[in-house]
Amino acid sequence: MFGWILGGITAMLLLASLIARVPGHWWWLRACEFPRLQIGLGGAACALASPLADPSQTPWIAAAGCAVLVVQLRYVLPWTPLWPVQVKAARGDRPDRCLSLLVANVLTPNRHSDALLAIIRDRDPDLILTLESDDWWGQRLDEGLGSGWPHAVRVPLDNLYGMHLYSRRPLIDPEVKWLIQDDIPSIHCGIELESGDRIRFHALHPRPPAPSESEESLWRDGELMLVAKLIHQDPVPTVVAGDLNDVAWSRSTRLFCRVSGMLDPRRGRGMFSTFHAQHALLRWPLDHVFASEHFTLGRMQRLPSFGSDHFPILTTLCYRPSRADEHENPTATKEEHRDARETVEEAREREQDG
């Protein structure tokens, strides 16, 4: 009996590994991309336990478990210290050309604003981006931050997609856009560093593919591809940040990086998984910071929990265009650029029809 149970679990893990490779936007397809680490470890456990099964079942359970592990490692290894870093480490960079950014999905019903404000005061970032922040959170942030971060863009919403951006540095032509869906905002602006250099910043929080939110990932993917195309068309020094409701190794996020040419500071350093803060065995990297080749990385750190289902993440990027050639930019093929364009067009058309 144990052998059949173990074989059934192994078969399900193998099926999930294969489903994740199927192209498409249905939520249950894309959901299989999230727990790659957990699925891989499950496959390894099945392979190790296979000698406890019937001798006739041991070989195929062991082989299938190992296959699951190998397939999943292929995707997650770049987000471990075993892989070369994608964004080079800062060294001797001028402090006036560095920007520290704290990203925090606050979880709208969470009322532990004092805990988040304490983290902010302790880390003292230049830029603060909160997600899921409604009027209540906006008021608490305004009161708690005071005049320390004088520049702000406020988009308080009670639909779980509000966002607030606070900055010590001047924000240039800040604009709130509704890129694909008319209830999902994004913030776009320039930022003037202390050195006088100017960079471009995009803050995103697209809708996730989940039964309670959206049966498809099309609208999330469309928003990501639209921003990727904008960056590709105007390749100035750029930072993209937010809760993308997507893991770093997914089909969509990797395509976003190839189309935009953006780099992931996590690669070669670790996963820095930010969700779920209350469930250690079910965590993956959903909150992201991407940078163009013009930046090096000072530090990246997952911060303590403050009552949300997300951990905040702190990233310090240093504007160092003279080191741009040290980076290997991801690039997209003509077919991938076409796929990105078609995804945007389909998302817009279906949103209008809906």
Protein backbone atom coordinates (compact mmCIF):
# COMPACT_ATOMS: atom_id res chain seq x y z
CA MET A 1 0.00 0.00 0.00
CA PHE A 2 2.82 2.43 0.90
CA GLY A 3 4.36 1.92 -2.54
CA TRP A 4 1.12 2.85 -4.29
CA ILE A 5 0.70 5.97 -2.16
CA LEU A 6 4.30 7.01 -2.75
CA GLY A 7 3.95 6.28 -6.46
CA GLY A 8 0.77 8.37 -6.64
CA ILE A 9 2.47 11.33 -4.96
CA THR A 10 5.46 11.03 -7.29
CA ALA A 11 3.17 10.89 -10.33
CA MET A 12 1.33 14.04 -9.20
CA LEU A 13 4.59 15.89 -8.72
CA LEU A 14 5.76 14.82 -12.16
CA LEU A 15 2.44 15.90 -13.69
CA ALA A 16 2.68 19.31 -12.01
CA SER A 17 6.21 19.69 -13.40
CA LEU A 18 4.96 18.95 -16.91
CA ILE A 19 1.87 21.18 -16.62
CA ALA A 20 4.06 24.16 -15.70
CA ARG A 21 5.74 23.87 -19.11
CA VAL A 22 2.46 24.16 -21.01
CA PRO A 23 1.95 27.64 -22.55
CA GLY A 24 -1.31 29.36 -21.74
CA HIS A 25 -2.89 31.86 -19.37
CA TRP A 26 -5.24 29.67 -17.30
CA TRP A 27 -4.56 30.21 -13.59
CA TRP A 28 -4.08 26.51 -12.83
CA LEU A 29 -1.36 26.29 -15.48
CA ARG A 30 0.55 29.27 -14.19
CA ALA A 31 0.01 28.28 -10.55
CA CYS A 32 2.24 25.25 -11.13
CA GLU A 33 5.17 27.63 -11.71
CA PHE A 34 5.05 29.00 -8.18
CA PRO A 35 6.04 26.06 -5.92
CA ARG A 36 8.95 24.79 -8.01
CA LEU A 37 11.24 24.53 -5.00
CA GLN A 38 8.62 22.67 -2.97
CA ILE A 39 7.82 20.33 -5.87
CA GLY A 40 11.52 19.65 -6.43
CA LEU A 41 12.09 18.84 -2.76
CA GLY A 42 9.02 16.62 -2.84
CA GLY A 43 10.48 14.73 -5.79
CA ALA A 44 13.76 14.28 -3.94
CA ALA A 45 11.92 12.97 -0.87
CA CYS A 46 10.03 10.45 -3.00
CA ALA A 47 13.24 9.23 -4.60
CA LEU A 48 14.87 8.81 -1.19
CA ALA A 49 11.83 6.94 0.15
CA SER A 50 11.52 4.68 -2.90
CA PRO A 51 13.50 1.76 -1.32
CA LEU A 52 10.67 1.47 1.20
CA ALA A 53 8.24 0.60 -1.58
CA ASP A 54 7.78 -2.77 -3.23
CA PRO A 55 10.99 -3.75 -5.09
CA SER A 56 9.08 -3.73 -8.37
CA GLN A 57 8.02 -0.11 -7.79
CA THR A 58 11.31 1.26 -6.47
CA PRO A 59 13.08 1.88 -9.83
CA TRP A 60 10.33 3.93 -11.47
CA ILE A 61 9.52 5.90 -8.31
CA ALA A 62 13.21 6.74 -7.85
CA ALA A 63 13.59 7.69 -11.52
CA ALA A 64 10.44 9.83 -11.55
CA GLY A 65 11.40 11.56 -8.28
CA CYS A 66 14.85 12.37 -9.62
CA ALA A 67 13.33 13.66 -12.86
CA VAL A 68 11.08 16.01 -10.88
CA LEU A 69 14.07 17.31 -8.91
CA VAL A 70 16.19 17.88 -12.04
CA VAL A 71 13.39 19.68 -13.89
CA GLN A 72 12.69 22.02 -10.98
CA LEU A 73 16.35 22.70 -10.22
CA ARG A 74 16.76 23.85 -13.80
CA TYR A 75 14.42 26.74 -13.00
CA VAL A 76 15.29 27.68 -9.42
CA LEU A 77 19.10 27.29 -9.35
CA PRO A 78 19.73 30.75 -10.91
CA TRP A 79 18.13 32.21 -7.78
CA THR A 80 20.67 30.61 -5.45
CA PRO A 81 24.28 31.52 -4.58
CA LEU A 82 25.36 28.61 -6.79
CA TRP A 83 24.72 30.79 -9.88
CA PRO A 84 26.72 33.80 -11.16
CA VAL A 85 25.23 37.12 -10.07
CA GLN A 86 23.36 39.08 -12.72
CA VAL A 87 23.71 42.54 -11.15
CA LYS A 88 27.29 43.25 -10.16
CA ALA A 89 28.06 44.25 -6.59
CA ALA A 90 28.71 47.90 -5.88
CA ARG A 91 32.25 48.84 -4.93
CA GLY A 92 33.38 52.32 -4.03
CA ASP A 93 30.18 53.82 -5.45
CA ARG A 94 29.38 57.39 -4.51
CA PRO A 95 26.62 57.52 -1.87
CA ASP A 96 24.97 60.41 -3.67
CA ARG A 97 24.36 58.13 -6.67
CA CYS A 98 22.78 55.33 -4.64
CA LEU A 99 19.08 54.85 -3.95
CA SER A 100 17.62 52.61 -1.23
CA LEU A 101 14.12 51.32 -1.89
CA LEU A 102 11.76 49.57 0.54
CA VAL A 103 8.85 47.64 -0.99
CA ALA A 104 6.07 46.48 1.33
CA ASN A 105 2.75 44.84 0.53
CA VAL A 106 0.91 45.87 3.70
CA LEU A 107 -2.16 43.56 3.36
CA THR A 108 -5.14 45.91 3.52
CA PRO A 109 -6.85 44.40 6.64
CA ASN A 110 -3.53 44.41 8.53
CA ARG A 111 -3.50 47.18 11.13
CA HIS A 112 0.10 46.91 12.38
CA SER A 113 1.17 50.20 10.86
CA ASP A 114 3.41 51.02 13.83
CA ALA A 115 5.48 47.91 13.14
CA LEU A 116 6.05 48.92 9.52
CA LEU A 117 6.85 52.51 10.49
CA ALA A 118 9.40 51.24 13.00
CA ILE A 119 11.08 49.21 10.25
CA ILE A 120 11.10 52.25 7.96
CA ARG A 121 12.66 54.48 10.62
CA ASP A 122 15.27 51.83 11.42
CA ARG A 123 16.29 51.25 7.78
CA ASP A 124 15.75 54.86 6.63
CA PRO A 125 15.24 54.18 2.90
CA ASP A 126 15.21 56.89 0.25
CA LEU A 127 12.11 55.48 -1.41
CA ILE A 128 9.10 53.67 0.11
CA LEU A 129 6.57 51.80 -2.01
CA THR A 130 3.53 50.32 -0.27
CA LEU A 131 1.01 48.07 -1.95
CA GLU A 132 -2.57 47.21 -0.94
CA SER A 133 -2.58 50.51 0.98
CA ASP A 134 -6.03 52.06 1.36
CA ASP A 135 -7.14 55.35 2.97
CA TRP A 136 -6.48 54.02 6.49
CA TRP A 137 -2.94 53.02 5.60
CA GLY A 138 -2.38 56.27 3.73
CA GLN A 139 -3.35 58.32 6.78
CA ARG A 140 -1.10 56.29 9.08
CA LEU A 141 1.81 56.56 6.69
CA ASP A 142 1.34 60.30 6.24
CA GLU A 143 1.24 60.82 10.01
CA GLY A 144 4.11 58.46 10.77
CA LEU A 145 6.49 59.58 8.03
CA GLY A 146 5.85 63.29 8.50
CA SER A 147 8.17 65.55 6.52
CA GLY A 148 10.97 62.98 6.26
CA TRP A 149 9.79 61.87 2.83
CA PRO A 150 8.37 65.10 1.33
CA HIS A 151 7.59 63.80 -2.16
CA ALA A 152 4.68 61.40 -2.55
CA VAL A 153 2.21 59.82 -4.94
CA ARG A 154 -0.93 58.51 -3.24
CA VAL A 155 -3.38 56.08 -4.81
CA PRO A 156 -5.55 54.86 -1.90
CA LEU A 157 -7.97 52.12 -2.95
CA ASP A 158 -10.06 49.60 -1.03
CA ASN A 159 -9.85 46.90 -3.73
CA LEU A 160 -6.46 45.52 -2.57
CA TYR A 161 -4.63 47.45 -5.31
CA GLY A 162 -3.98 50.82 -3.70
CA MET A 163 -0.38 52.03 -3.62
CA HIS A 164 1.62 54.83 -2.04
CA LEU A 165 5.05 56.08 -3.04
CA TYR A 166 7.09 58.25 -0.66
CA SER A 167 10.48 59.70 -1.57
CA ARG A 168 13.27 61.78 -0.07
CA ARG A 169 14.39 62.61 -3.59
CA PRO A 170 12.36 64.78 -6.01
CA LEU A 171 9.90 62.90 -8.21
CA ILE A 172 9.83 64.12 -11.79
CA ASP A 173 6.51 64.20 -13.68
CA PRO A 174 4.84 61.52 -11.51
CA GLU A 175 1.89 59.89 -13.21
CA VAL A 176 -0.67 57.26 -12.20
CA LYS A 177 -1.62 54.99 -15.09
CA TRP A 178 -4.22 52.27 -15.51
CA LEU A 179 -2.31 50.23 -18.05
CA ILE A 180 -4.57 47.28 -18.79
CA GLN A 181 -7.44 47.21 -16.29
CA ASP A 182 -9.24 50.32 -15.12
CA ASP A 183 -9.13 49.30 -11.44
CA ILE A 184 -5.40 48.37 -11.31
CA PRO A 185 -3.12 51.42 -10.96
CA SER A 186 0.60 51.80 -11.53
CA ILE A 187 2.95 54.69 -10.78
CA HIS A 188 5.50 56.04 -13.24
CA CYS A 189 7.95 58.87 -12.64
CA GLY A 190 11.49 60.10 -12.83
CA ILE A 191 13.64 60.33 -9.71
CA GLU A 192 16.43 62.83 -9.21
CA LEU A 193 19.30 61.37 -7.24
CA GLU A 194 21.32 63.47 -4.79
CA SER A 195 24.05 63.63 -7.44
CA GLY A 196 21.64 65.29 -9.89
CA ASP A 197 21.41 62.20 -12.10
CA ARG A 198 17.91 61.21 -13.16
CA ILE A 199 16.48 57.73 -13.45
CA ARG A 200 13.11 56.28 -14.47
CA PHE A 201 10.90 54.39 -12.01
CA HIS A 202 7.87 52.12 -12.54
CA ALA A 203 5.78 50.76 -9.63
CA LEU A 204 3.49 47.82 -10.47
CA HIS A 205 0.98 45.54 -8.77
CA PRO A 206 -0.94 43.56 -11.42
CA ARG A 207 -3.84 41.24 -10.60
CA PRO A 208 -2.77 37.64 -9.85
CA PRO A 209 -4.03 34.53 -11.63
CA ALA A 210 -6.16 32.94 -8.91
CA PRO A 211 -9.76 31.71 -8.70
CA SER A 212 -10.72 34.57 -6.35
CA GLU A 213 -9.07 37.21 -8.55
CA SER A 214 -8.78 36.19 -12.18
CA GLU A 215 -9.15 32.85 -13.95
CA GLU A 216 -6.30 33.79 -16.27
CA SER A 217 -2.89 35.42 -16.02
CA LEU A 218 -3.52 37.36 -19.24
CA TRP A 219 -4.06 40.73 -17.57
CA ARG A 220 -1.03 40.38 -15.31
CA ASP A 221 1.10 39.25 -18.23
CA GLY A 222 -0.26 42.02 -20.44
CA GLU A 223 0.73 44.69 -17.91
CA LEU A 224 4.22 43.23 -17.51
CA MET A 225 4.73 43.01 -21.28
CA LEU A 226 3.46 46.55 -21.83
CA VAL A 227 5.98 47.98 -19.35
CA ALA A 228 8.71 45.77 -20.82
CA LYS A 229 8.00 47.17 -24.29
CA LEU A 230 8.08 50.76 -22.99
CA ILE A 231 11.48 50.16 -21.39
CA HIS A 232 12.80 48.47 -24.53
CA GLN A 233 11.72 51.44 -26.66
CA ASP A 234 13.32 53.99 -24.32
CA PRO A 235 16.33 52.30 -22.66
CA VAL A 236 17.19 54.97 -20.09
CA PRO A 237 18.40 54.11 -16.55
CA THR A 238 15.33 52.40 -15.09
CA VAL A 239 14.12 50.66 -11.95
CA VAL A 240 10.93 48.56 -11.77
CA ALA A 241 9.51 47.53 -8.40
CA GLY A 242 6.38 46.06 -6.90
CA ASP A 243 4.40 42.96 -6.09
CA LEU A 244 4.15 41.35 -9.52
CA ASN A 245 2.09 38.41 -8.23
CA ASP A 246 4.55 36.25 -10.10
CA VAL A 247 7.66 34.32 -9.15
CA ALA A 248 11.12 35.26 -10.40
CA TRP A 249 11.51 32.05 -12.46
CA SER A 250 8.12 32.09 -14.19
CA ARG A 251 7.61 32.16 -17.93
CA SER A 252 6.12 35.68 -17.73
CA THR A 253 8.76 37.27 -15.48
CA ARG A 254 11.64 35.81 -17.47
CA LEU A 255 10.05 37.08 -20.69
CA PHE A 256 9.58 40.49 -19.07
CA CYS A 257 13.32 40.62 -18.36
CA ARG A 258 14.28 39.52 -21.85
CA VAL A 259 11.97 41.98 -23.61
CA SER A 260 12.90 44.91 -21.35
CA GLY A 261 16.57 44.01 -20.88
CA MET A 262 16.14 44.46 -17.12
CA LEU A 263 18.33 42.63 -14.61
CA ASP A 264 17.28 40.77 -11.47
CA PRO A 265 19.47 41.49 -8.40
CA ARG A 266 18.27 38.20 -6.85
CA ARG A 267 19.95 36.06 -9.47
CA GLY A 268 23.07 34.46 -8.04
CA ARG A 269 22.28 35.70 -4.54
CA GLY A 270 19.12 34.01 -3.28
CA MET A 271 15.37 33.87 -3.57
CA PHE A 272 14.56 36.47 -0.89
CA SER A 273 11.06 34.97 -0.77
CA THR A 274 8.58 37.57 0.47
CA PHE A 275 5.31 35.59 0.49
CA HIS A 276 3.85 33.92 2.56
CA ALA A 277 5.16 35.50 5.78
CA GLN A 278 3.14 33.17 8.02
CA HIS A 279 3.86 29.88 6.23
CA ALA A 280 7.55 28.98 6.07
CA LEU A 281 6.99 25.97 3.81
CA LEU A 282 4.97 27.93 1.26
CA ARG A 283 7.16 30.87 0.32
CA TRP A 284 8.25 32.30 -2.97
CA PRO A 285 9.56 35.62 -4.35
CA LEU A 286 6.58 37.78 -5.36
CA ASP A 287 7.90 41.27 -4.53
CA HIS A 288 10.51 42.36 -7.02
CA VAL A 289 13.05 45.05 -7.85
CA PHE A 290 14.55 45.05 -11.34
CA ALA A 291 17.25 47.39 -12.61
CA SER A 292 18.72 48.28 -15.98
CA GLU A 293 22.38 47.68 -16.76
CA HIS A 294 23.24 51.16 -15.44
CA PHE A 295 23.08 50.01 -11.80
CA THR A 296 25.12 47.95 -9.38
CA LEU A 297 23.77 46.42 -6.18
CA GLY A 298 24.69 47.77 -2.78
CA ARG A 299 22.56 45.32 -0.81
CA MET A 300 19.32 43.38 -0.85
CA GLN A 301 17.60 42.23 2.30
CA ARG A 302 14.30 40.69 3.32
CA LEU A 303 13.08 42.56 6.40
CA PRO A 304 11.12 41.34 9.45
CA SER A 305 7.40 40.61 9.30
CA PHE A 306 5.01 43.34 10.44
CA GLY A 307 1.66 41.54 10.35
CA SER A 308 1.21 41.35 6.58
CA ASP A 309 1.28 38.15 4.55
CA HIS A 310 4.31 39.66 2.76
CA PHE A 311 7.73 40.46 4.16
CA PRO A 312 9.08 43.88 3.12
CA ILE A 313 12.23 43.89 1.02
CA LEU A 314 14.98 46.51 1.00
CA THR A 315 17.24 47.07 -2.01
CA THR A 316 20.03 49.59 -2.50
CA LEU A 317 20.96 50.30 -6.11
CA CYS A 318 23.86 52.50 -7.19
CA TYR A 319 23.81 54.37 -10.47
CA ARG A 320 27.08 53.38 -12.13
CA PRO A 321 26.70 53.60 -15.93
CA SER A 322 30.45 53.20 -16.40
CA ARG A 323 30.07 49.55 -15.33
CA ALA A 324 27.15 48.78 -17.66
CA ASP A 325 29.39 46.69 -19.92
CA GLU A 326 30.09 44.31 -17.04
CA HIS A 327 26.50 43.07 -17.17
CA GLU A 328 25.12 40.46 -19.55
CA ASN A 329 21.72 41.79 -20.51
CA PRO A 330 18.94 39.31 -21.25
CA THR A 331 17.64 39.73 -24.79
CA ALA A 332 14.47 38.61 -26.51
CA THR A 333 14.12 37.03 -29.94
CA LYS A 334 11.86 38.49 -32.61
CA GLU A 335 9.32 35.80 -31.77
CA GLU A 336 9.37 36.78 -28.09
CA HIS A 337 8.88 40.45 -28.93
CA ARG A 338 5.95 39.40 -31.09
CA ASP A 339 4.52 37.27 -28.29
CA ALA A 340 4.81 40.20 -25.88
CA ARG A 341 3.04 42.52 -28.32
CA GLU A 342 0.26 40.01 -28.92
CA THR A 343 -0.21 39.47 -25.18
CA VAL A 344 -0.69 43.22 -24.67
CA GLU A 345 -3.12 43.46 -27.58
CA GLU A 346 -5.16 40.47 -26.42
CA ALA A 347 -5.32 41.74 -22.84
CA ARG A 348 -6.52 45.17 -23.98
CA GLU A 349 -9.07 43.78 -26.40
CA ARG A 350 -10.56 41.38 -23.88
CA GLU A 351 -10.63 44.05 -21.18
CA GLN A 352 -12.55 46.37 -23.52
CA ASP A 353 -14.93 43.56 -24.53
CA GLY A 354 -15.46 42.63 -20.89
